[in-house]
Amino acid sequence: MDIQRWEPSRQLQAAIQQKQKRGPAGGPRQRILNMATHEFYRKGIRVTGIDSLIKMSDVAKATFYRYFPTKDDLIFAYVEESSRHYWLWFEGTLEGLEGLEGQEDGSSPKEQFMGLISSLVERKMNKDHLLNRGCPFLNVILETPPEHPAHQAALAHLQKVCSRISEMAYESRDSTQVTSRVFLLMQAITHTPCHLPDSEALLDDVVRAATLLLEDLCY
């Protein structure tokens, strides 16, 4: 593997971790939400029961229902929490790129996209538990009906991601193609099974594909 290619994303971790520390303080609600985030993603929304979450969160049933009157309320909060963490990573990665040596004039769209992709690949290779079962937002969309608030919130998140990528690609030769390619590449990384023997090679192929696909479209 080309070690030099991975060096920038390692430099971003301190900036990302610093931004993540700005999250809400711990408490009963956050404990419940943290446990729900872990269990909903790991097991799925439908099979995760409220009683098990109450027990694992170490809160009284009355406390649980004070914060989340229904399971649907908790699912919606889970999507919002997942989105919050996603944007901490996304914007933190871009901020970290601006601080790298040699980037005094700002990073180019291609450098920004490659920074996001390499950071995402590194998280995947490090077996980030929030990436082991694919995209959490697509999972919610698949597990909930279209009229469910969490379904709509997950869809809105993915639309916002596309809009943000499109905004970054504004000065590219073909912003529409860049947006679709970057979004699909990021989804491909997220959905690559990390337990396969050749998963590292597959992810490396995605990075090479990203470099080629963006070569002629981004300045």
Protein backbone atom coordinates (compact mmCIF):
# COMPACT_ATOMS: atom_id res chain seq x y z
CA MET A 1 0.00 0.00 0.00
CA ASP A 2 1.17 3.52 -0.80
CA ILE A 3 1.92 4.86 2.70
CA GLN A 4 2.27 8.44 1.50
CA ARG A 5 -1.31 8.42 0.29
CA TRP A 6 -2.56 7.69 3.79
CA GLU A 7 -0.46 10.22 5.67
CA PRO A 8 -2.82 13.21 5.32
CA SER A 9 -5.79 11.43 6.87
CA ARG A 10 -3.73 10.44 9.90
CA GLN A 11 -2.91 14.11 10.42
CA LEU A 12 -6.62 14.89 10.58
CA GLN A 13 -7.45 12.70 13.55
CA ALA A 14 -6.48 15.24 16.24
CA ALA A 15 -8.73 17.89 14.70
CA ILE A 16 -11.65 15.49 14.37
CA GLN A 17 -11.27 14.17 17.92
CA GLN A 18 -11.10 17.70 19.29
CA LYS A 19 -14.39 18.61 17.60
CA GLN A 20 -16.04 15.43 18.87
CA LYS A 21 -15.19 16.44 22.44
CA ARG A 22 -17.57 19.35 22.03
CA GLY A 23 -20.57 17.03 22.11
CA PRO A 24 -23.21 17.14 24.85
CA ALA A 25 -22.23 16.17 28.36
CA GLY A 26 -23.12 12.74 29.71
CA GLY A 27 -26.38 12.14 31.56
CA PRO A 28 -29.33 9.74 31.49
CA ARG A 29 -30.59 10.93 28.13
CA GLN A 30 -27.15 10.74 26.54
CA ARG A 31 -26.51 7.29 28.03
CA ILE A 32 -29.76 6.05 26.53
CA LEU A 33 -28.96 7.64 23.19
CA ASN A 34 -25.42 6.26 23.15
CA MET A 35 -26.69 2.76 23.84
CA ALA A 36 -29.45 3.09 21.25
CA THR A 37 -26.93 4.33 18.68
CA HIS A 38 -24.77 1.27 19.30
CA GLU A 39 -27.59 -1.28 19.38
CA PHE A 40 -29.74 0.13 16.56
CA TYR A 41 -26.73 0.14 14.27
CA ARG A 42 -25.30 -3.22 15.38
CA LYS A 43 -28.53 -5.23 15.55
CA GLY A 44 -31.06 -3.18 13.65
CA ILE A 45 -33.96 -1.00 14.75
CA ARG A 46 -36.69 -3.62 14.60
CA VAL A 47 -35.01 -6.29 16.73
CA THR A 48 -33.71 -3.91 19.42
CA GLY A 49 -36.21 -3.77 22.26
CA ILE A 50 -36.90 -0.91 24.66
CA ASP A 51 -36.56 -3.12 27.74
CA SER A 52 -33.05 -4.20 26.77
CA LEU A 53 -32.03 -0.59 26.14
CA ILE A 54 -33.37 0.45 29.56
CA LYS A 55 -31.37 -2.30 31.22
CA MET A 56 -28.15 -1.62 29.31
CA SER A 57 -28.46 2.15 29.87
CA ASP A 58 -28.86 1.61 33.61
CA VAL A 59 -31.83 3.96 33.93
CA ALA A 60 -35.29 3.60 35.43
CA LYS A 61 -38.18 2.94 33.06
CA ALA A 62 -39.79 6.23 34.10
CA THR A 63 -36.57 8.07 33.27
CA PHE A 64 -36.40 6.45 29.86
CA TYR A 65 -39.96 7.39 28.94
CA ARG A 66 -39.50 10.92 30.25
CA TYR A 67 -36.88 11.49 27.56
CA PHE A 68 -38.30 9.20 24.88
CA PRO A 69 -42.07 8.65 25.21
CA THR A 70 -42.08 6.20 22.28
CA LYS A 71 -39.58 4.06 20.43
CA ASP A 72 -40.19 6.22 17.36
CA ASP A 73 -38.96 9.24 19.33
CA LEU A 74 -35.77 7.36 20.15
CA ILE A 75 -35.25 6.24 16.55
CA PHE A 76 -35.60 9.83 15.37
CA ALA A 77 -33.11 10.99 18.02
CA TYR A 78 -30.74 8.22 16.88
CA VAL A 79 -30.79 9.57 13.32
CA GLU A 80 -30.16 13.10 14.57
CA GLU A 81 -27.27 11.90 16.74
CA SER A 82 -25.76 9.91 13.87
CA SER A 83 -26.05 12.98 11.63
CA ARG A 84 -24.37 15.16 14.27
CA HIS A 85 -21.41 12.78 14.49
CA TYR A 86 -21.24 12.54 10.71
CA TRP A 87 -20.92 16.30 10.27
CA LEU A 88 -18.35 16.55 13.04
CA TRP A 89 -16.26 14.10 11.03
CA PHE A 90 -16.99 15.67 7.63
CA GLU A 91 -16.33 19.31 8.51
CA GLY A 92 -13.53 18.38 10.93
CA THR A 93 -11.76 16.57 8.12
CA LEU A 94 -12.01 19.60 5.84
CA GLU A 95 -10.80 21.93 8.61
CA GLY A 96 -7.86 19.61 9.20
CA LEU A 97 -6.92 19.75 5.53
CA GLU A 98 -6.74 23.53 5.66
CA GLY A 99 -4.20 23.25 8.44
CA LEU A 100 -1.82 20.89 6.64
CA GLU A 101 1.60 22.08 5.57
CA GLY A 102 1.64 23.52 2.07
CA GLN A 103 -2.08 24.41 2.11
CA GLU A 104 -1.76 28.10 2.96
CA ASP A 105 -3.94 29.08 0.00
CA GLY A 106 -6.62 26.51 0.80
CA SER A 107 -7.06 23.01 -0.50
CA SER A 108 -8.51 22.32 -3.94
CA PRO A 109 -11.83 20.47 -4.42
CA LYS A 110 -9.95 17.34 -5.49
CA GLU A 111 -7.73 17.49 -2.38
CA GLN A 112 -10.80 17.96 -0.21
CA PHE A 113 -12.59 15.00 -1.74
CA MET A 114 -9.53 12.79 -1.53
CA GLY A 115 -9.05 13.88 2.09
CA LEU A 116 -12.61 12.81 2.91
CA ILE A 117 -12.23 9.53 1.06
CA SER A 118 -8.88 8.64 2.63
CA SER A 119 -10.17 9.54 6.10
CA LEU A 120 -13.23 7.36 5.57
CA VAL A 121 -11.08 4.48 4.33
CA GLU A 122 -8.83 4.78 7.35
CA ARG A 123 -11.83 4.65 9.68
CA LYS A 124 -13.02 1.56 7.85
CA MET A 125 -9.60 -0.12 8.04
CA ASN A 126 -9.47 0.65 11.76
CA LYS A 127 -12.80 -1.21 12.02
CA ASP A 128 -14.75 1.79 13.27
CA HIS A 129 -17.81 0.20 14.89
CA LEU A 130 -20.06 2.87 13.34
CA LEU A 131 -19.13 1.67 9.84
CA ASN A 132 -19.27 -2.13 10.24
CA ARG A 133 -22.83 -2.49 8.94
CA GLY A 134 -22.81 0.00 6.12
CA CYS A 135 -24.46 3.41 6.05
CA PRO A 136 -26.61 3.96 9.16
CA PHE A 137 -28.87 6.34 7.26
CA LEU A 138 -29.60 3.87 4.46
CA ASN A 139 -30.21 1.23 7.11
CA VAL A 140 -32.86 3.43 8.73
CA ILE A 141 -34.46 4.14 5.36
CA LEU A 142 -34.69 0.40 4.70
CA GLU A 143 -36.10 -0.39 8.15
CA THR A 144 -38.75 2.33 8.37
CA PRO A 145 -41.72 3.30 6.17
CA PRO A 146 -41.49 6.50 4.09
CA GLU A 147 -43.87 8.39 6.39
CA HIS A 148 -41.76 7.69 9.50
CA PRO A 149 -40.02 10.85 10.82
CA ALA A 150 -36.72 8.96 11.15
CA HIS A 151 -36.98 7.78 7.53
CA GLN A 152 -37.49 11.35 6.40
CA ALA A 153 -34.65 12.63 8.62
CA ALA A 154 -32.25 9.99 7.25
CA LEU A 155 -33.21 10.87 3.69
CA ALA A 156 -32.77 14.57 4.43
CA HIS A 157 -29.30 13.85 5.82
CA LEU A 158 -28.20 12.06 2.64
CA GLN A 159 -29.64 14.88 0.53
CA LYS A 160 -27.69 17.37 2.62
CA VAL A 161 -24.51 15.36 2.05
CA CYS A 162 -25.08 15.52 -1.72
CA SER A 163 -25.76 19.25 -1.49
CA ARG A 164 -22.56 19.81 0.48
CA ILE A 165 -20.52 17.82 -2.03
CA SER A 166 -22.14 19.75 -4.87
CA GLU A 167 -21.23 23.02 -3.15
CA MET A 168 -17.61 21.88 -2.88
CA ALA A 169 -17.62 20.80 -6.54
CA TYR A 170 -19.06 24.09 -7.81
CA GLU A 171 -15.89 25.11 -9.66
CA SER A 172 -15.27 21.67 -11.16
CA ARG A 173 -15.66 20.99 -14.85
CA ASP A 174 -18.82 18.97 -14.23
CA SER A 175 -20.17 19.45 -10.71
CA THR A 176 -23.06 17.03 -11.28
CA GLN A 177 -20.74 14.17 -12.19
CA VAL A 178 -18.35 14.98 -9.37
CA THR A 179 -21.19 15.02 -6.84
CA SER A 180 -22.57 11.65 -7.92
CA ARG A 181 -19.13 10.05 -8.15
CA VAL A 182 -17.92 11.24 -4.77
CA PHE A 183 -21.17 10.25 -3.07
CA LEU A 184 -21.12 6.78 -4.64
CA LEU A 185 -17.45 6.28 -3.78
CA MET A 186 -18.09 7.20 -0.16
CA GLN A 187 -21.04 4.82 -0.03
CA ALA A 188 -18.92 2.08 -1.61
CA ILE A 189 -16.33 2.51 1.15
CA THR A 190 -18.96 2.48 3.87
CA HIS A 191 -20.54 -0.71 2.53
CA THR A 192 -17.31 -2.64 1.92
CA PRO A 193 -17.27 -5.57 4.41
CA CYS A 194 -14.26 -5.00 6.66
CA HIS A 195 -14.12 -8.64 7.84
CA LEU A 196 -13.11 -10.04 4.45
CA PRO A 197 -9.48 -11.19 4.01
CA ASP A 198 -9.05 -8.89 1.01
CA SER A 199 -11.04 -5.92 2.37
CA GLU A 200 -7.89 -3.78 2.60
CA ALA A 201 -7.13 -4.40 -1.07
CA LEU A 202 -10.73 -3.57 -2.00
CA LEU A 203 -10.55 -0.28 -0.13
CA ASP A 204 -7.23 0.53 -1.73
CA ASP A 205 -8.87 -0.05 -5.12
CA VAL A 206 -11.59 2.43 -4.20
CA VAL A 207 -8.97 5.09 -3.46
CA ARG A 208 -7.27 4.45 -6.81
CA ALA A 209 -10.65 4.61 -8.55
CA ALA A 210 -11.41 7.90 -6.81
CA THR A 211 -8.12 9.37 -7.98
CA LEU A 212 -8.84 8.38 -11.59
CA LEU A 213 -12.48 9.44 -11.56
CA LEU A 214 -11.70 12.87 -10.14
CA GLU A 215 -8.54 13.48 -12.18
CA ASP A 216 -10.21 15.02 -15.20
CA LEU A 217 -13.12 16.72 -13.41
CA CYS A 218 -11.56 18.55 -10.45
CA TYR A 219 -8.96 21.30 -10.54
